[in-house]
Amino acid sequence: MGLRLLLVAALTWAALRAWRALSAPGRREEEMVQCAACGTFVPRRQAASAVFDGERRWFCDPTCLGRYGGR
């Protein structure tokens, strides 16, 4: 009886783990952009941006944005 209870508990635990893994939201791939000043790649949502000569440029941080704007 004890072995059967242990087996049922183990199977229940494994089923719950599998269900949680399958129902968890998937990781989304983030679009990466290249800093126009230093070439570093950063996630687009974290990047600073500005328009130069009618074209949007992306920057890894405000320092690079200022450096690029001073050219």
PDB file of N, CA and C in Angstrom:
ATOM      1  N   MET A   1       0.818  -1.197   0.000  1.00  0.00           N
ATOM      2  CA  MET A   1       0.000   0.000   0.000  1.00  0.00           C
ATOM      3  C   MET A   1       0.860   1.260   0.000  1.00  0.00           C
ATOM      4  N   GLY A   2       1.945   1.259   0.793  1.00  0.00           N
ATOM      5  CA  GLY A   2       2.826   2.419   0.876  1.00  0.00           C
ATOM      6  C   GLY A   2       3.543   2.685  -0.433  1.00  0.00           C
ATOM      7  N   LEU A   3       3.945   1.607  -1.114  1.00  0.00           N
ATOM      8  CA  LEU A   3       4.638   1.759  -2.397  1.00  0.00           C
ATOM      9  C   LEU A   3       3.693   2.333  -3.448  1.00  0.00           C
ATOM     10  N   ARG A   4       2.449   1.902  -3.416  1.00  0.00           N
ATOM     11  CA  ARG A   4       1.458   2.404  -4.372  1.00  0.00           C
ATOM     12  C   ARG A   4       1.213   3.903  -4.138  1.00  0.00           C
ATOM     13  N   LEU A   5       1.118   4.309  -2.887  1.00  0.00           N
ATOM     14  CA  LEU A   5       0.917   5.717  -2.553  1.00  0.00           C
ATOM     15  C   LEU A   5       2.103   6.556  -3.023  1.00  0.00           C
ATOM     16  N   LEU A   6       3.310   6.047  -2.812  1.00  0.00           N
ATOM     17  CA  LEU A   6       4.520   6.742  -3.259  1.00  0.00           C
ATOM     18  C   LEU A   6       4.541   6.876  -4.781  1.00  0.00           C
ATOM     19  N   LEU A   7       4.148   5.826  -5.478  1.00  0.00           N
ATOM     20  CA  LEU A   7       4.113   5.853  -6.940  1.00  0.00           C
ATOM     21  C   LEU A   7       3.082   6.862  -7.448  1.00  0.00           C
ATOM     22  N   VAL A   8       1.908   6.896  -6.845  1.00  0.00           N
ATOM     23  CA  VAL A   8       0.868   7.851  -7.242  1.00  0.00           C
ATOM     24  C   VAL A   8       1.342   9.277  -6.983  1.00  0.00           C
ATOM     25  N   ALA A   9       1.992   9.507  -5.850  1.00  0.00           N
ATOM     26  CA  ALA A   9       2.504  10.842  -5.532  1.00  0.00           C
ATOM     27  C   ALA A   9       3.565  11.271  -6.542  1.00  0.00           C
ATOM     28  N   ALA A  10       4.465  10.364  -6.907  1.00  0.00           N
ATOM     29  CA  ALA A  10       5.522  10.685  -7.871  1.00  0.00           C
ATOM     30  C   ALA A  10       4.932  10.986  -9.247  1.00  0.00           C
ATOM     31  N   LEU A  11       3.954  10.206  -9.670  1.00  0.00           N
ATOM     32  CA  LEU A  11       3.322  10.446 -10.970  1.00  0.00           C
ATOM     33  C   LEU A  11       2.540  11.762 -10.972  1.00  0.00           C
ATOM     34  N   THR A  12       1.886  12.072  -9.868  1.00  0.00           N
ATOM     35  CA  THR A  12       1.166  13.341  -9.761  1.00  0.00           C
ATOM     36  C   THR A  12       2.134  14.509  -9.838  1.00  0.00           C
ATOM     37  N   TRP A  13       3.230  14.408  -9.124  1.00  0.00           N
ATOM     38  CA  TRP A  13       4.258  15.459  -9.141  1.00  0.00           C
ATOM     39  C   TRP A  13       4.798  15.655 -10.558  1.00  0.00           C
ATOM     40  N   ALA A  14       5.113  14.547 -11.255  1.00  0.00           N
ATOM     41  CA  ALA A  14       5.645  14.636 -12.615  1.00  0.00           C
ATOM     42  C   ALA A  14       4.614  15.246 -13.568  1.00  0.00           C
ATOM     43  N   ALA A  15       3.351  14.875 -13.410  1.00  0.00           N
ATOM     44  CA  ALA A  15       2.303  15.422 -14.277  1.00  0.00           C
ATOM     45  C   ALA A  15       2.134  16.923 -14.043  1.00  0.00           C
ATOM     46  N   LEU A  16       2.178  17.357 -12.789  1.00  0.00           N
ATOM     47  CA  LEU A  16       2.068  18.787 -12.500  1.00  0.00           C
ATOM     48  C   LEU A  16       3.241  19.565 -13.071  1.00  0.00           C
ATOM     49  N   ARG A  17       4.437  19.033 -12.952  1.00  0.00           N
ATOM     50  CA  ARG A  17       5.618  19.708 -13.512  1.00  0.00           C
ATOM     51  C   ARG A  17       5.506  19.825 -15.027  1.00  0.00           C
ATOM     52  N   ALA A  18       5.070  18.759 -15.678  1.00  0.00           N
ATOM     53  CA  ALA A  18       4.920  18.781 -17.134  1.00  0.00           C
ATOM     54  C   ALA A  18       3.844  19.780 -17.544  1.00  0.00           C
ATOM     55  N   TRP A  19       2.729  19.813 -16.829  1.00  0.00           N
ATOM     56  CA  TRP A  19       1.646  20.736 -17.148  1.00  0.00           C
ATOM     57  C   TRP A  19       2.103  22.175 -16.990  1.00  0.00           C
ATOM     58  N   ARG A  20       2.828  22.484 -15.919  1.00  0.00           N
ATOM     59  CA  ARG A  20       3.328  23.844 -15.711  1.00  0.00           C
ATOM     60  C   ARG A  20       4.309  24.251 -16.808  1.00  0.00           C
ATOM     61  N   ALA A  21       5.171  23.337 -17.196  1.00  0.00           N
ATOM     62  CA  ALA A  21       6.152  23.648 -18.244  1.00  0.00           C
ATOM     63  C   ALA A  21       5.465  23.909 -19.585  1.00  0.00           C
ATOM     64  N   LEU A  22       4.445  23.137 -19.883  1.00  0.00           N
ATOM     65  CA  LEU A  22       3.756  23.294 -21.165  1.00  0.00           C
ATOM     66  C   LEU A  22       2.819  24.493 -21.183  1.00  0.00           C
ATOM     67  N   SER A  23       2.294  24.881 -20.032  1.00  0.00           N
ATOM     68  CA  SER A  23       1.349  25.995 -20.006  1.00  0.00           C
ATOM     69  C   SER A  23       2.014  27.335 -19.714  1.00  0.00           C
ATOM     70  N   ALA A  24       3.304  27.333 -19.428  1.00  0.00           N
ATOM     71  CA  ALA A  24       4.014  28.584 -19.143  1.00  0.00           C
ATOM     72  C   ALA A  24       4.115  29.417 -20.417  1.00  0.00           C
ATOM     73  N   PRO A  25       4.020  30.734 -20.287  1.00  0.00           N
ATOM     74  CA  PRO A  25       4.160  31.578 -21.483  1.00  0.00           C
ATOM     75  C   PRO A  25       5.563  31.438 -22.064  1.00  0.00           C
ATOM     76  N   GLY A  26       5.646  31.393 -23.362  1.00  0.00           N
ATOM     77  CA  GLY A  26       6.938  31.240 -24.028  1.00  0.00           C
ATOM     78  C   GLY A  26       7.765  32.510 -23.976  1.00  0.00           C
ATOM     79  N   ARG A  27       9.044  32.344 -24.070  1.00  0.00           N
ATOM     80  CA  ARG A  27       9.931  33.503 -24.113  1.00  0.00           C
ATOM     81  C   ARG A  27       9.869  34.106 -25.504  1.00  0.00           C
ATOM     82  N   ARG A  28       9.720  35.400 -25.540  1.00  0.00           N
ATOM     83  CA  ARG A  28       9.684  36.083 -26.828  1.00  0.00           C
ATOM     84  C   ARG A  28      11.088  36.517 -27.196  1.00  0.00           C
ATOM     85  N   GLU A  29      11.381  36.386 -28.443  1.00  0.00           N
ATOM     86  CA  GLU A  29      12.655  36.884 -28.944  1.00  0.00           C
ATOM     87  C   GLU A  29      12.563  38.399 -29.030  1.00  0.00           C
ATOM     88  N   GLU A  30      13.543  39.083 -28.494  1.00  0.00           N
ATOM     89  CA  GLU A  30      13.552  40.540 -28.574  1.00  0.00           C
ATOM     90  C   GLU A  30      14.338  40.972 -29.800  1.00  0.00           C
ATOM     91  N   GLU A  31      13.836  42.000 -30.447  1.00  0.00           N
ATOM     92  CA  GLU A  31      14.557  42.554 -31.585  1.00  0.00           C
ATOM     93  C   GLU A  31      15.764  43.323 -31.060  1.00  0.00           C
ATOM     94  N   MET A  32      16.920  43.037 -31.616  1.00  0.00           N
ATOM     95  CA  MET A  32      18.147  43.715 -31.224  1.00  0.00           C
ATOM     96  C   MET A  32      18.469  44.780 -32.267  1.00  0.00           C
ATOM     97  N   VAL A  33      18.967  45.915 -31.794  1.00  0.00           N
ATOM     98  CA  VAL A  33      19.386  46.992 -32.688  1.00  0.00           C
ATOM     99  C   VAL A  33      20.843  47.324 -32.389  1.00  0.00           C
ATOM    100  N   GLN A  34      21.533  47.811 -33.395  1.00  0.00           N
ATOM    101  CA  GLN A  34      22.950  48.132 -33.246  1.00  0.00           C
ATOM    102  C   GLN A  34      23.128  49.617 -32.973  1.00  0.00           C
ATOM    103  N   CYS A  35      23.944  49.923 -31.980  1.00  0.00           N
ATOM    104  CA  CYS A  35      24.232  51.312 -31.634  1.00  0.00           C
ATOM    105  C   CYS A  35      24.980  51.959 -32.797  1.00  0.00           C
ATOM    106  N   ALA A  36      24.486  53.108 -33.250  1.00  0.00           N
ATOM    107  CA  ALA A  36      25.104  53.806 -34.378  1.00  0.00           C
ATOM    108  C   ALA A  36      26.460  54.395 -34.011  1.00  0.00           C
ATOM    109  N   ALA A  37      26.717  54.598 -32.718  1.00  0.00           N
ATOM    110  CA  ALA A  37      27.977  55.213 -32.303  1.00  0.00           C
ATOM    111  C   ALA A  37      29.078  54.189 -32.028  1.00  0.00           C
ATOM    112  N   CYS A  38      28.747  53.111 -31.296  1.00  0.00           N
ATOM    113  CA  CYS A  38      29.805  52.180 -30.882  1.00  0.00           C
ATOM    114  C   CYS A  38      29.651  50.771 -31.441  1.00  0.00           C
ATOM    115  N   GLY A  39      28.498  50.457 -32.041  1.00  0.00           N
ATOM    116  CA  GLY A  39      28.306  49.148 -32.657  1.00  0.00           C
ATOM    117  C   GLY A  39      27.774  48.066 -31.728  1.00  0.00           C
ATOM    118  N   THR A  40      27.534  48.386 -30.469  1.00  0.00           N
ATOM    119  CA  THR A  40      27.006  47.414 -29.517  1.00  0.00           C
ATOM    120  C   THR A  40      25.557  47.081 -29.853  1.00  0.00           C
ATOM    121  N   PHE A  41      25.171  45.810 -29.695  1.00  0.00           N
ATOM    122  CA  PHE A  41      23.783  45.405 -29.904  1.00  0.00           C
ATOM    123  C   PHE A  41      23.047  45.437 -28.574  1.00  0.00           C
ATOM    124  N   VAL A  42      21.861  46.034 -28.574  1.00  0.00           N
ATOM    125  CA  VAL A  42      21.023  46.130 -27.378  1.00  0.00           C
ATOM    126  C   VAL A  42      19.577  45.817 -27.753  1.00  0.00           C
ATOM    127  N   PRO A  43      18.755  45.362 -26.787  1.00  0.00           N
ATOM    128  CA  PRO A  43      17.336  45.160 -27.075  1.00  0.00           C
ATOM    129  C   PRO A  43      16.687  46.490 -27.466  1.00  0.00           C
ATOM    130  N   ARG A  44      15.844  46.443 -28.476  1.00  0.00           N
ATOM    131  CA  ARG A  44      15.230  47.671 -29.001  1.00  0.00           C
ATOM    132  C   ARG A  44      14.460  48.437 -27.930  1.00  0.00           C
ATOM    133  N   ARG A  45      13.787  47.713 -27.031  1.00  0.00           N
ATOM    134  CA  ARG A  45      12.984  48.389 -26.009  1.00  0.00           C
ATOM    135  C   ARG A  45      13.842  49.145 -25.003  1.00  0.00           C
ATOM    136  N   GLN A  46      15.140  48.824 -24.914  1.00  0.00           N
ATOM    137  CA  GLN A  46      16.033  49.510 -23.979  1.00  0.00           C
ATOM    138  C   GLN A  46      16.880  50.576 -24.658  1.00  0.00           C
ATOM    139  N   ALA A  47      16.861  50.610 -25.973  1.00  0.00           N
ATOM    140  CA  ALA A  47      17.743  51.514 -26.710  1.00  0.00           C
ATOM    141  C   ALA A  47      17.184  52.934 -26.766  1.00  0.00           C
ATOM    142  N   ALA A  48      18.098  53.888 -26.793  1.00  0.00           N
ATOM    143  CA  ALA A  48      17.730  55.286 -27.050  1.00  0.00           C
ATOM    144  C   ALA A  48      17.694  55.460 -28.564  1.00  0.00           C
ATOM    145  N   SER A  49      16.871  56.375 -29.047  1.00  0.00           N
ATOM    146  CA  SER A  49      16.818  56.582 -30.492  1.00  0.00           C
ATOM    147  C   SER A  49      16.625  58.054 -30.807  1.00  0.00           C
ATOM    148  N   ALA A  50      17.022  58.404 -32.015  1.00  0.00           N
ATOM    149  CA  ALA A  50      16.841  59.765 -32.521  1.00  0.00           C
ATOM    150  C   ALA A  50      16.847  59.696 -34.038  1.00  0.00           C
ATOM    151  N   VAL A  51      16.299  60.726 -34.661  1.00  0.00           N
ATOM    152  CA  VAL A  51      16.252  60.792 -36.122  1.00  0.00           C
ATOM    153  C   VAL A  51      17.332  61.753 -36.598  1.00  0.00           C
ATOM    154  N   PHE A  52      18.198  61.256 -37.476  1.00  0.00           N
ATOM    155  CA  PHE A  52      19.248  62.062 -38.098  1.00  0.00           C
ATOM    156  C   PHE A  52      19.087  61.944 -39.605  1.00  0.00           C
ATOM    157  N   ASP A  53      19.039  63.078 -40.294  1.00  0.00           N
ATOM    158  CA  ASP A  53      18.885  63.109 -41.753  1.00  0.00           C
ATOM    159  C   ASP A  53      17.684  62.287 -42.210  1.00  0.00           C
ATOM    160  N   GLY A  54      16.591  62.348 -41.454  1.00  0.00           N
ATOM    161  CA  GLY A  54      15.375  61.640 -41.826  1.00  0.00           C
ATOM    162  C   GLY A  54      15.399  60.149 -41.559  1.00  0.00           C
ATOM    163  N   GLU A  55      16.421  59.637 -40.912  1.00  0.00           N
ATOM    164  CA  GLU A  55      16.528  58.205 -40.642  1.00  0.00           C
ATOM    165  C   GLU A  55      16.710  57.970 -39.146  1.00  0.00           C
ATOM    166  N   ARG A  56      15.925  57.029 -38.593  1.00  0.00           N
ATOM    167  CA  ARG A  56      16.021  56.722 -37.164  1.00  0.00           C
ATOM    168  C   ARG A  56      17.300  55.946 -36.881  1.00  0.00           C
ATOM    169  N   ARG A  57      18.016  56.381 -35.876  1.00  0.00           N
ATOM    170  CA  ARG A  57      19.243  55.715 -35.423  1.00  0.00           C
ATOM    171  C   ARG A  57      19.019  55.241 -33.988  1.00  0.00           C
ATOM    172  N   TRP A  58      19.618  54.113 -33.649  1.00  0.00           N
ATOM    173  CA  TRP A  58      19.488  53.515 -32.321  1.00  0.00           C
ATOM    174  C   TRP A  58      20.822  53.604 -31.598  1.00  0.00           C
ATOM    175  N   PHE A  59      20.750  53.748 -30.262  1.00  0.00           N
ATOM    176  CA  PHE A  59      21.953  53.911 -29.447  1.00  0.00           C
ATOM    177  C   PHE A  59      21.831  53.084 -28.173  1.00  0.00           C
ATOM    178  N   CYS A  60      22.972  52.588 -27.696  1.00  0.00           N
ATOM    179  CA  CYS A  60      22.957  51.738 -26.504  1.00  0.00           C
ATOM    180  C   CYS A  60      22.647  52.525 -25.239  1.00  0.00           C
ATOM    181  N   ASP A  61      22.988  53.806 -25.208  1.00  0.00           N
ATOM    182  CA  ASP A  61      22.672  54.647 -24.049  1.00  0.00           C
ATOM    183  C   ASP A  61      22.720  56.121 -24.452  1.00  0.00           C
ATOM    184  N   PRO A  62      22.250  57.005 -23.591  1.00  0.00           N
ATOM    185  CA  PRO A  62      22.234  58.437 -23.927  1.00  0.00           C
ATOM    186  C   PRO A  62      23.630  59.020 -24.181  1.00  0.00           C
ATOM    187  N   THR A  63      24.662  58.440 -23.581  1.00  0.00           N
ATOM    188  CA  THR A  63      26.023  58.927 -23.816  1.00  0.00           C
ATOM    189  C   THR A  63      26.411  58.753 -25.282  1.00  0.00           C
ATOM    190  N   CYS A  64      26.138  57.576 -25.829  1.00  0.00           N
ATOM    191  CA  CYS A  64      26.446  57.341 -27.246  1.00  0.00           C
ATOM    192  C   CYS A  64      25.579  58.216 -28.142  1.00  0.00           C
ATOM    193  N   LEU A  65      24.338  58.435 -27.747  1.00  0.00           N
ATOM    194  CA  LEU A  65      23.464  59.325 -28.516  1.00  0.00           C
ATOM    195  C   LEU A  65      24.057  60.722 -28.566  1.00  0.00           C
ATOM    196  N   GLY A  66      24.516  61.234 -27.436  1.00  0.00           N
ATOM    197  CA  GLY A  66      25.135  62.557 -27.395  1.00  0.00           C
ATOM    198  C   GLY A  66      26.423  62.617 -28.190  1.00  0.00           C
ATOM    199  N   ARG A  67      27.206  61.543 -28.111  1.00  0.00           N
ATOM    200  CA  ARG A  67      28.462  61.494 -28.857  1.00  0.00           C
ATOM    201  C   ARG A  67      28.194  61.492 -30.362  1.00  0.00           C
ATOM    202  N   TYR A  68      27.191  60.732 -30.797  1.00  0.00           N
ATOM    203  CA  TYR A  68      26.858  60.656 -32.218  1.00  0.00           C
ATOM    204  C   TYR A  68      26.278  61.982 -32.706  1.00  0.00           C
ATOM    205  N   GLY A  69      25.447  62.611 -31.893  1.00  0.00           N
ATOM    206  CA  GLY A  69      24.827  63.877 -32.269  1.00  0.00           C
ATOM    207  C   GLY A  69      25.825  65.014 -32.372  1.00  0.00           C
ATOM    208  N   GLY A  70      26.964  64.876 -31.702  1.00  0.00           N
ATOM    209  CA  GLY A  70      27.986  65.916 -31.731  1.00  0.00           C
ATOM    210  C   GLY A  70      28.934  65.819 -32.907  1.00  0.00           C
ATOM    211  N   ARG A  71      28.718  64.840 -33.775  1.00  0.00           N
ATOM    212  CA  ARG A  71      29.616  64.668 -34.933  1.00  0.00           C
ATOM    213  C   ARG A  71      29.471  65.793 -35.908  1.00  0.00           C
TER     214      ARG A  71
END
